[in-house]
Amino acid sequence: MSKALRRRLLRAQDAREKTRLEQQLTAAGIPGLFLDYSPPSWVTAERTRFFLATTQADFSTPPLAPAQLGQWLEMIASEMGMGTSLTAGTGLENFPWIRIETAKKGWGEILLEILGKNLTLVSENDTTLIVLFEEEYDHLAFTASSKSGSTE
C-alpha cells in the first residue's frame, strides 16, 4: 500500500472518529470545536518530560469509579486555575485538538469517558497544562505552567 493511500485511509478513519467525538460531546452537553491548533513549545517539551519514567507525578490516585475520577480531574483543573474553556488532545493524527467548554457539572467524567483516561488539557490562554495517565494500579496527573516555567 502506498504512503498516499495510507494517509487517505487514516484521514477518512480520523474523520469518522472526529464526527463520533463531536456527536458524543454535544449529546453529553459539552460541545467541542476542533481546532487547527499548535501547542506552544513549552507544552510539547513538558509532555515529553512527563513520559520519562524519572518524572514524578504531581497528583496520583488509586483506581476510582468513573464519577470519582472525573471529580479528581475537575479538582486538579480548579487548583491549577484552568478556567472553563480548555483545549483537549484527541489522540487523532489528523484532528489532534478540540476546544471544549467545561462549565457543565460532571465534565471531568464525561471527558474521560469520551476522550479516554490518557488525557492532555491546555488552558485557553496556553499557560497551564494537565496530562493524565492511566497506569495499571493508579492514575497519575502531571501539571505545568508557563508562568513559572516549572512544574506546579
N, C-alpha and C. Protein backbone atom coordinates (compact mmCIF):
# COMPACT_ATOMS: atom_id res chain seq x y z
N MET A 1 0.85 -1.17 0.00
CA MET A 1 0.00 0.00 0.00
C MET A 1 0.90 1.24 0.00
N SER A 2 0.58 2.19 -0.83
CA SER A 2 1.40 3.40 -0.93
C SER A 2 1.19 4.31 0.28
N LYS A 3 2.16 5.20 0.51
CA LYS A 3 2.05 6.15 1.61
C LYS A 3 0.84 7.05 1.41
N ALA A 4 0.60 7.49 0.18
CA ALA A 4 -0.53 8.38 -0.10
C ALA A 4 -1.85 7.69 0.22
N LEU A 5 -1.98 6.44 -0.13
CA LEU A 5 -3.21 5.70 0.16
C LEU A 5 -3.37 5.53 1.66
N ARG A 6 -2.28 5.19 2.36
CA ARG A 6 -2.35 5.06 3.83
C ARG A 6 -2.80 6.37 4.48
N ARG A 7 -2.25 7.49 3.99
CA ARG A 7 -2.64 8.80 4.54
C ARG A 7 -4.13 9.06 4.30
N ARG A 8 -4.62 8.75 3.11
CA ARG A 8 -6.04 8.97 2.81
C ARG A 8 -6.93 8.09 3.68
N LEU A 9 -6.53 6.84 3.87
CA LEU A 9 -7.32 5.93 4.70
C LEU A 9 -7.33 6.40 6.16
N LEU A 10 -6.17 6.82 6.66
CA LEU A 10 -6.10 7.33 8.03
C LEU A 10 -6.94 8.59 8.18
N ARG A 11 -6.87 9.47 7.21
CA ARG A 11 -7.66 10.71 7.26
C ARG A 11 -9.16 10.38 7.29
N ALA A 12 -9.60 9.43 6.49
CA ALA A 12 -11.01 9.03 6.47
C ALA A 12 -11.41 8.42 7.81
N GLN A 13 -10.54 7.57 8.36
CA GLN A 13 -10.81 6.97 9.66
C GLN A 13 -10.88 8.04 10.74
N ASP A 14 -9.93 8.97 10.74
CA ASP A 14 -9.94 10.07 11.71
C ASP A 14 -11.17 10.94 11.55
N ALA A 15 -11.61 11.17 10.32
CA ALA A 15 -12.81 12.00 10.09
C ALA A 15 -14.04 11.33 10.69
N ARG A 16 -14.16 10.01 10.56
CA ARG A 16 -15.28 9.29 11.18
C ARG A 16 -15.22 9.41 12.70
N GLU A 17 -14.02 9.25 13.27
CA GLU A 17 -13.85 9.36 14.72
C GLU A 17 -14.11 10.79 15.20
N LYS A 18 -13.70 11.77 14.42
CA LYS A 18 -13.96 13.18 14.75
C LYS A 18 -15.47 13.42 14.85
N THR A 19 -16.22 12.92 13.87
CA THR A 19 -17.67 13.07 13.88
C THR A 19 -18.28 12.40 15.10
N ARG A 20 -17.80 11.20 15.43
CA ARG A 20 -18.30 10.48 16.60
C ARG A 20 -18.02 11.27 17.87
N LEU A 21 -16.80 11.80 18.01
CA LEU A 21 -16.47 12.58 19.20
C LEU A 21 -17.34 13.83 19.31
N GLU A 22 -17.52 14.54 18.21
CA GLU A 22 -18.37 15.74 18.21
C GLU A 22 -19.79 15.39 18.66
N GLN A 23 -20.33 14.31 18.12
CA GLN A 23 -21.69 13.91 18.45
C GLN A 23 -21.81 13.52 19.92
N GLN A 24 -20.85 12.75 20.41
CA GLN A 24 -20.90 12.31 21.81
C GLN A 24 -20.74 13.49 22.77
N LEU A 25 -19.81 14.38 22.49
CA LEU A 25 -19.61 15.53 23.37
C LEU A 25 -20.84 16.44 23.36
N THR A 26 -21.41 16.68 22.19
CA THR A 26 -22.61 17.52 22.09
C THR A 26 -23.77 16.88 22.84
N ALA A 27 -23.97 15.57 22.66
CA ALA A 27 -25.05 14.86 23.35
C ALA A 27 -24.87 14.91 24.86
N ALA A 28 -23.63 14.95 25.32
CA ALA A 28 -23.33 14.99 26.76
C ALA A 28 -23.37 16.41 27.32
N GLY A 29 -23.62 17.41 26.47
CA GLY A 29 -23.72 18.79 26.93
C GLY A 29 -22.39 19.53 26.97
N ILE A 30 -21.37 18.98 26.32
CA ILE A 30 -20.05 19.63 26.26
C ILE A 30 -19.66 19.74 24.79
N PRO A 31 -20.26 20.69 24.08
CA PRO A 31 -19.92 20.79 22.65
C PRO A 31 -18.45 21.11 22.46
N GLY A 32 -17.89 20.54 21.41
CA GLY A 32 -16.48 20.75 21.11
C GLY A 32 -16.29 21.34 19.73
N LEU A 33 -15.22 22.08 19.57
CA LEU A 33 -14.86 22.68 18.29
C LEU A 33 -13.44 22.25 17.97
N PHE A 34 -13.28 21.46 16.90
CA PHE A 34 -11.94 21.03 16.50
C PHE A 34 -11.17 22.23 16.00
N LEU A 35 -9.91 22.30 16.38
CA LEU A 35 -9.08 23.46 16.09
C LEU A 35 -7.88 23.10 15.23
N ASP A 36 -7.46 24.06 14.45
CA ASP A 36 -6.15 23.99 13.82
C ASP A 36 -5.22 24.66 14.82
N TYR A 37 -4.75 23.89 15.76
CA TYR A 37 -4.03 24.40 16.94
C TYR A 37 -2.66 23.74 17.03
N SER A 38 -1.68 24.53 17.29
CA SER A 38 -0.34 24.02 17.59
C SER A 38 -0.01 24.48 19.00
N PRO A 39 0.21 23.54 19.90
CA PRO A 39 0.51 23.95 21.27
C PRO A 39 1.83 24.72 21.33
N PRO A 40 1.97 25.60 22.31
CA PRO A 40 3.25 26.30 22.49
C PRO A 40 4.37 25.29 22.72
N SER A 41 5.58 25.68 22.43
CA SER A 41 6.72 24.77 22.55
C SER A 41 6.90 24.26 23.99
N TRP A 42 6.57 25.10 24.97
CA TRP A 42 6.74 24.64 26.35
C TRP A 42 5.80 23.47 26.66
N VAL A 43 4.59 23.45 26.05
CA VAL A 43 3.64 22.34 26.26
C VAL A 43 4.24 21.05 25.70
N THR A 44 4.76 21.13 24.49
CA THR A 44 5.37 19.95 23.87
C THR A 44 6.54 19.45 24.70
N ALA A 45 7.37 20.35 25.19
CA ALA A 45 8.53 19.96 26.00
C ALA A 45 8.10 19.30 27.31
N GLU A 46 7.09 19.87 27.96
CA GLU A 46 6.62 19.30 29.24
C GLU A 46 5.98 17.94 29.01
N ARG A 47 5.18 17.80 27.96
CA ARG A 47 4.57 16.49 27.68
C ARG A 47 5.65 15.44 27.46
N THR A 48 6.69 15.78 26.75
CA THR A 48 7.79 14.85 26.53
C THR A 48 8.44 14.47 27.86
N ARG A 49 8.63 15.45 28.74
CA ARG A 49 9.24 15.20 30.05
C ARG A 49 8.34 14.29 30.90
N PHE A 50 7.03 14.46 30.79
CA PHE A 50 6.10 13.65 31.59
C PHE A 50 6.17 12.17 31.22
N PHE A 51 6.60 11.86 29.99
CA PHE A 51 6.69 10.47 29.55
C PHE A 51 7.92 9.76 30.11
N LEU A 52 8.84 10.49 30.68
CA LEU A 52 10.04 9.88 31.25
C LEU A 52 9.70 9.19 32.58
N ALA A 53 10.24 8.01 32.76
CA ALA A 53 9.96 7.24 33.97
C ALA A 53 10.47 7.95 35.22
N THR A 54 11.42 8.84 35.07
CA THR A 54 12.00 9.53 36.22
C THR A 54 11.18 10.74 36.68
N THR A 55 10.21 11.15 35.89
CA THR A 55 9.40 12.32 36.24
C THR A 55 8.34 11.92 37.26
N GLN A 56 8.32 12.64 38.37
CA GLN A 56 7.38 12.39 39.45
C GLN A 56 6.04 13.06 39.15
N ALA A 57 4.95 12.32 39.31
CA ALA A 57 3.62 12.88 39.11
C ALA A 57 3.32 13.91 40.20
N ASP A 58 2.53 14.92 39.85
CA ASP A 58 2.12 15.92 40.83
C ASP A 58 0.94 15.44 41.66
N PHE A 59 0.13 14.57 41.07
CA PHE A 59 -1.04 14.00 41.75
C PHE A 59 -1.13 12.53 41.36
N SER A 60 -1.62 11.70 42.28
CA SER A 60 -1.90 10.31 41.93
C SER A 60 -3.07 9.84 42.78
N THR A 61 -3.77 8.85 42.25
CA THR A 61 -4.89 8.28 42.96
C THR A 61 -5.02 6.82 42.55
N PRO A 62 -5.44 5.97 43.48
CA PRO A 62 -5.70 4.58 43.09
C PRO A 62 -6.92 4.54 42.17
N PRO A 63 -7.20 3.38 41.58
CA PRO A 63 -8.37 3.30 40.71
C PRO A 63 -9.63 3.80 41.42
N LEU A 64 -10.41 4.58 40.68
CA LEU A 64 -11.64 5.16 41.22
C LEU A 64 -12.79 4.86 40.28
N ALA A 65 -14.00 4.95 40.82
CA ALA A 65 -15.19 4.86 39.97
C ALA A 65 -15.16 6.05 39.01
N PRO A 66 -15.78 5.92 37.82
CA PRO A 66 -15.72 7.00 36.82
C PRO A 66 -16.12 8.38 37.36
N ALA A 67 -17.17 8.46 38.16
CA ALA A 67 -17.60 9.77 38.69
C ALA A 67 -16.54 10.35 39.61
N GLN A 68 -15.93 9.51 40.45
CA GLN A 68 -14.90 9.99 41.37
C GLN A 68 -13.65 10.42 40.61
N LEU A 69 -13.27 9.68 39.58
CA LEU A 69 -12.11 10.04 38.78
C LEU A 69 -12.35 11.38 38.08
N GLY A 70 -13.56 11.58 37.57
CA GLY A 70 -13.91 12.86 36.96
C GLY A 70 -13.83 14.01 37.95
N GLN A 71 -14.29 13.78 39.18
CA GLN A 71 -14.21 14.82 40.21
C GLN A 71 -12.76 15.12 40.56
N TRP A 72 -11.93 14.09 40.58
CA TRP A 72 -10.50 14.27 40.85
C TRP A 72 -9.87 15.15 39.78
N LEU A 73 -10.19 14.88 38.51
CA LEU A 73 -9.68 15.70 37.41
C LEU A 73 -10.18 17.14 37.54
N GLU A 74 -11.45 17.32 37.84
CA GLU A 74 -12.01 18.67 38.00
C GLU A 74 -11.33 19.42 39.14
N MET A 75 -11.01 18.71 40.24
CA MET A 75 -10.33 19.34 41.37
C MET A 75 -8.94 19.82 40.95
N ILE A 76 -8.22 19.00 40.21
CA ILE A 76 -6.88 19.39 39.74
C ILE A 76 -6.99 20.60 38.82
N ALA A 77 -7.94 20.57 37.89
CA ALA A 77 -8.12 21.69 36.96
C ALA A 77 -8.46 22.97 37.72
N SER A 78 -9.28 22.86 38.75
CA SER A 78 -9.63 24.03 39.55
C SER A 78 -8.41 24.56 40.30
N GLU A 79 -7.65 23.66 40.92
CA GLU A 79 -6.44 24.06 41.65
C GLU A 79 -5.44 24.76 40.73
N MET A 80 -5.37 24.31 39.48
CA MET A 80 -4.42 24.86 38.52
C MET A 80 -4.95 26.13 37.85
N GLY A 81 -6.21 26.51 38.12
CA GLY A 81 -6.78 27.71 37.52
C GLY A 81 -6.98 27.59 36.02
N MET A 82 -7.42 26.43 35.57
CA MET A 82 -7.55 26.15 34.14
C MET A 82 -8.66 26.96 33.46
N GLY A 83 -9.66 27.40 34.19
CA GLY A 83 -10.78 28.10 33.57
C GLY A 83 -11.79 27.12 33.00
N THR A 84 -12.74 27.62 32.22
CA THR A 84 -13.82 26.76 31.72
C THR A 84 -13.74 26.48 30.23
N SER A 85 -12.77 27.03 29.55
CA SER A 85 -12.58 26.74 28.14
C SER A 85 -11.20 26.12 27.98
N LEU A 86 -11.18 24.83 27.61
CA LEU A 86 -9.93 24.08 27.55
C LEU A 86 -9.71 23.52 26.16
N THR A 87 -8.46 23.29 25.82
CA THR A 87 -8.11 22.57 24.61
C THR A 87 -7.67 21.18 25.04
N ALA A 88 -8.30 20.16 24.46
CA ALA A 88 -8.02 18.77 24.84
C ALA A 88 -7.42 18.02 23.66
N GLY A 89 -6.45 17.18 23.96
CA GLY A 89 -5.90 16.30 22.95
C GLY A 89 -6.88 15.19 22.65
N THR A 90 -7.01 14.85 21.36
CA THR A 90 -7.97 13.82 20.96
C THR A 90 -7.34 12.47 20.68
N GLY A 91 -6.04 12.45 20.44
CA GLY A 91 -5.39 11.21 20.04
C GLY A 91 -5.50 10.93 18.55
N LEU A 92 -6.16 11.81 17.81
CA LEU A 92 -6.31 11.64 16.36
C LEU A 92 -5.17 12.36 15.65
N GLU A 93 -4.54 11.70 14.71
CA GLU A 93 -3.42 12.31 14.00
C GLU A 93 -3.85 13.52 13.18
N ASN A 94 -4.99 13.44 12.52
CA ASN A 94 -5.43 14.50 11.62
C ASN A 94 -6.26 15.58 12.30
N PHE A 95 -6.78 15.30 13.47
CA PHE A 95 -7.60 16.25 14.22
C PHE A 95 -7.20 16.16 15.70
N PRO A 96 -5.98 16.61 16.02
CA PRO A 96 -5.42 16.33 17.35
C PRO A 96 -5.97 17.15 18.51
N TRP A 97 -6.64 18.27 18.25
CA TRP A 97 -7.06 19.15 19.34
C TRP A 97 -8.51 19.58 19.18
N ILE A 98 -9.20 19.64 20.31
CA ILE A 98 -10.58 20.11 20.33
C ILE A 98 -10.75 21.09 21.49
N ARG A 99 -11.44 22.20 21.24
CA ARG A 99 -11.74 23.19 22.29
C ARG A 99 -13.07 22.79 22.91
N ILE A 100 -13.10 22.72 24.22
CA ILE A 100 -14.31 22.32 24.94
C ILE A 100 -14.62 23.32 26.04
N GLU A 101 -15.88 23.41 26.36
CA GLU A 101 -16.35 24.24 27.47
C GLU A 101 -16.64 23.32 28.66
N THR A 102 -16.08 23.64 29.81
CA THR A 102 -16.18 22.75 30.97
C THR A 102 -17.03 23.33 32.10
N ALA A 103 -17.98 24.17 31.76
CA ALA A 103 -18.82 24.76 32.80
C ALA A 103 -19.85 23.76 33.34
N LYS A 104 -20.16 22.73 32.57
CA LYS A 104 -21.17 21.75 32.99
C LYS A 104 -20.66 20.90 34.14
N LYS A 105 -21.49 20.71 35.13
CA LYS A 105 -21.15 19.85 36.28
C LYS A 105 -20.92 18.43 35.75
N GLY A 106 -19.84 17.82 36.19
CA GLY A 106 -19.52 16.47 35.78
C GLY A 106 -18.72 16.37 34.49
N TRP A 107 -18.15 17.50 34.05
CA TRP A 107 -17.42 17.50 32.78
C TRP A 107 -16.23 16.55 32.79
N GLY A 108 -15.59 16.37 33.93
CA GLY A 108 -14.42 15.50 34.01
C GLY A 108 -14.75 14.06 33.66
N GLU A 109 -15.81 13.55 34.25
CA GLU A 109 -16.23 12.18 33.95
C GLU A 109 -16.59 12.02 32.48
N ILE A 110 -17.29 13.02 31.94
CA ILE A 110 -17.70 12.96 30.53
C ILE A 110 -16.48 12.92 29.61
N LEU A 111 -15.51 13.80 29.85
CA LEU A 111 -14.31 13.82 29.02
C LEU A 111 -13.54 12.51 29.10
N LEU A 112 -13.38 12.00 30.30
CA LEU A 112 -12.64 10.75 30.47
C LEU A 112 -13.34 9.59 29.77
N GLU A 113 -14.66 9.61 29.79
CA GLU A 113 -15.42 8.55 29.12
C GLU A 113 -15.30 8.65 27.60
N ILE A 114 -15.36 9.86 27.06
CA ILE A 114 -15.39 10.05 25.61
C ILE A 114 -13.99 10.11 25.00
N LEU A 115 -13.07 10.85 25.63
CA LEU A 115 -11.73 11.02 25.06
C LEU A 115 -10.72 10.01 25.60
N GLY A 116 -11.05 9.35 26.69
CA GLY A 116 -10.16 8.35 27.25
C GLY A 116 -9.46 8.83 28.51
N LYS A 117 -8.85 7.89 29.20
CA LYS A 117 -8.25 8.19 30.51
C LYS A 117 -6.81 8.66 30.42
N ASN A 118 -6.25 8.69 29.22
CA ASN A 118 -4.95 9.34 28.99
C ASN A 118 -5.28 10.64 28.28
N LEU A 119 -5.19 11.72 29.01
CA LEU A 119 -5.77 12.98 28.55
C LEU A 119 -4.79 14.13 28.71
N THR A 120 -4.77 15.02 27.71
CA THR A 120 -3.98 16.24 27.79
C THR A 120 -4.94 17.42 27.72
N LEU A 121 -4.81 18.35 28.66
CA LEU A 121 -5.63 19.56 28.69
C LEU A 121 -4.73 20.78 28.77
N VAL A 122 -5.04 21.78 27.94
CA VAL A 122 -4.30 23.04 27.94
C VAL A 122 -5.32 24.15 28.19
N SER A 123 -4.97 25.09 29.07
CA SER A 123 -5.88 26.21 29.35
C SER A 123 -6.04 27.08 28.10
N GLU A 124 -7.15 27.83 28.05
CA GLU A 124 -7.46 28.65 26.88
C GLU A 124 -6.36 29.65 26.58
N ASN A 125 -5.71 30.19 27.62
CA ASN A 125 -4.66 31.18 27.41
C ASN A 125 -3.27 30.54 27.24
N ASP A 126 -3.24 29.20 27.09
CA ASP A 126 -2.00 28.46 26.84
C ASP A 126 -0.96 28.60 27.95
N THR A 127 -1.40 28.83 29.19
CA THR A 127 -0.43 28.99 30.28
C THR A 127 -0.38 27.81 31.24
N THR A 128 -1.33 26.89 31.14
CA THR A 128 -1.40 25.80 32.10
C THR A 128 -1.69 24.48 31.38
N LEU A 129 -1.05 23.43 31.86
CA LEU A 129 -1.13 22.11 31.24
C LEU A 129 -1.41 21.05 32.30
N ILE A 130 -2.31 20.12 31.97
CA ILE A 130 -2.53 18.92 32.78
C ILE A 130 -2.43 17.73 31.84
N VAL A 131 -1.65 16.74 32.23
CA VAL A 131 -1.57 15.49 31.49
C VAL A 131 -1.91 14.37 32.45
N LEU A 132 -2.91 13.58 32.08
CA LEU A 132 -3.39 12.49 32.93
C LEU A 132 -3.06 11.16 32.25
N PHE A 133 -2.52 10.22 33.03
CA PHE A 133 -2.20 8.89 32.53
C PHE A 133 -2.92 7.85 33.39
N GLU A 134 -3.44 6.84 32.74
CA GLU A 134 -3.96 5.69 33.47
C GLU A 134 -2.87 4.64 33.51
N GLU A 135 -2.46 4.27 34.70
CA GLU A 135 -1.46 3.22 34.89
C GLU A 135 -2.17 1.97 35.38
N GLU A 136 -1.43 0.90 35.55
CA GLU A 136 -2.04 -0.37 35.94
C GLU A 136 -2.76 -0.28 37.28
N TYR A 137 -2.13 0.38 38.25
CA TYR A 137 -2.71 0.41 39.60
C TYR A 137 -3.12 1.79 40.08
N ASP A 138 -2.97 2.79 39.25
CA ASP A 138 -3.37 4.13 39.67
C ASP A 138 -3.49 5.06 38.46
N HIS A 139 -3.91 6.28 38.75
CA HIS A 139 -3.96 7.35 37.76
C HIS A 139 -2.96 8.41 38.20
N LEU A 140 -2.22 8.93 37.23
CA LEU A 140 -1.22 9.95 37.51
C LEU A 140 -1.58 11.22 36.78
N ALA A 141 -1.37 12.36 37.44
CA ALA A 141 -1.59 13.65 36.80
C ALA A 141 -0.32 14.47 36.94
N PHE A 142 0.10 15.03 35.81
CA PHE A 142 1.27 15.91 35.75
C PHE A 142 0.76 17.29 35.38
N THR A 143 1.33 18.30 36.00
CA THR A 143 0.89 19.67 35.72
C THR A 143 2.10 20.55 35.47
N ALA A 144 1.88 21.58 34.67
CA ALA A 144 2.94 22.56 34.41
C ALA A 144 2.29 23.88 34.06
N SER A 145 3.06 24.92 34.22
CA SER A 145 2.58 26.27 33.90
C SER A 145 3.68 27.04 33.21
N SER A 146 3.32 27.79 32.20
CA SER A 146 4.31 28.63 31.51
C SER A 146 4.66 29.85 32.34
N LYS A 147 3.78 30.21 33.28
CA LYS A 147 4.01 31.39 34.12
C LYS A 147 5.26 31.22 34.97
N SER A 148 5.37 30.02 35.55
CA SER A 148 6.50 29.78 36.43
C SER A 148 7.66 29.13 35.68
N GLY A 149 7.34 28.55 34.52
CA GLY A 149 8.37 27.86 33.77
C GLY A 149 8.77 26.53 34.40
N SER A 150 7.97 26.09 35.37
CA SER A 150 8.28 24.83 36.01
C SER A 150 7.00 24.09 36.33
N THR A 151 7.16 22.83 36.70
CA THR A 151 6.02 22.00 37.07
C THR A 151 5.41 22.55 38.36
N GLU A 152 4.12 22.59 38.38
CA GLU A 152 3.40 23.06 39.57
C GLU A 152 3.19 21.92 40.53
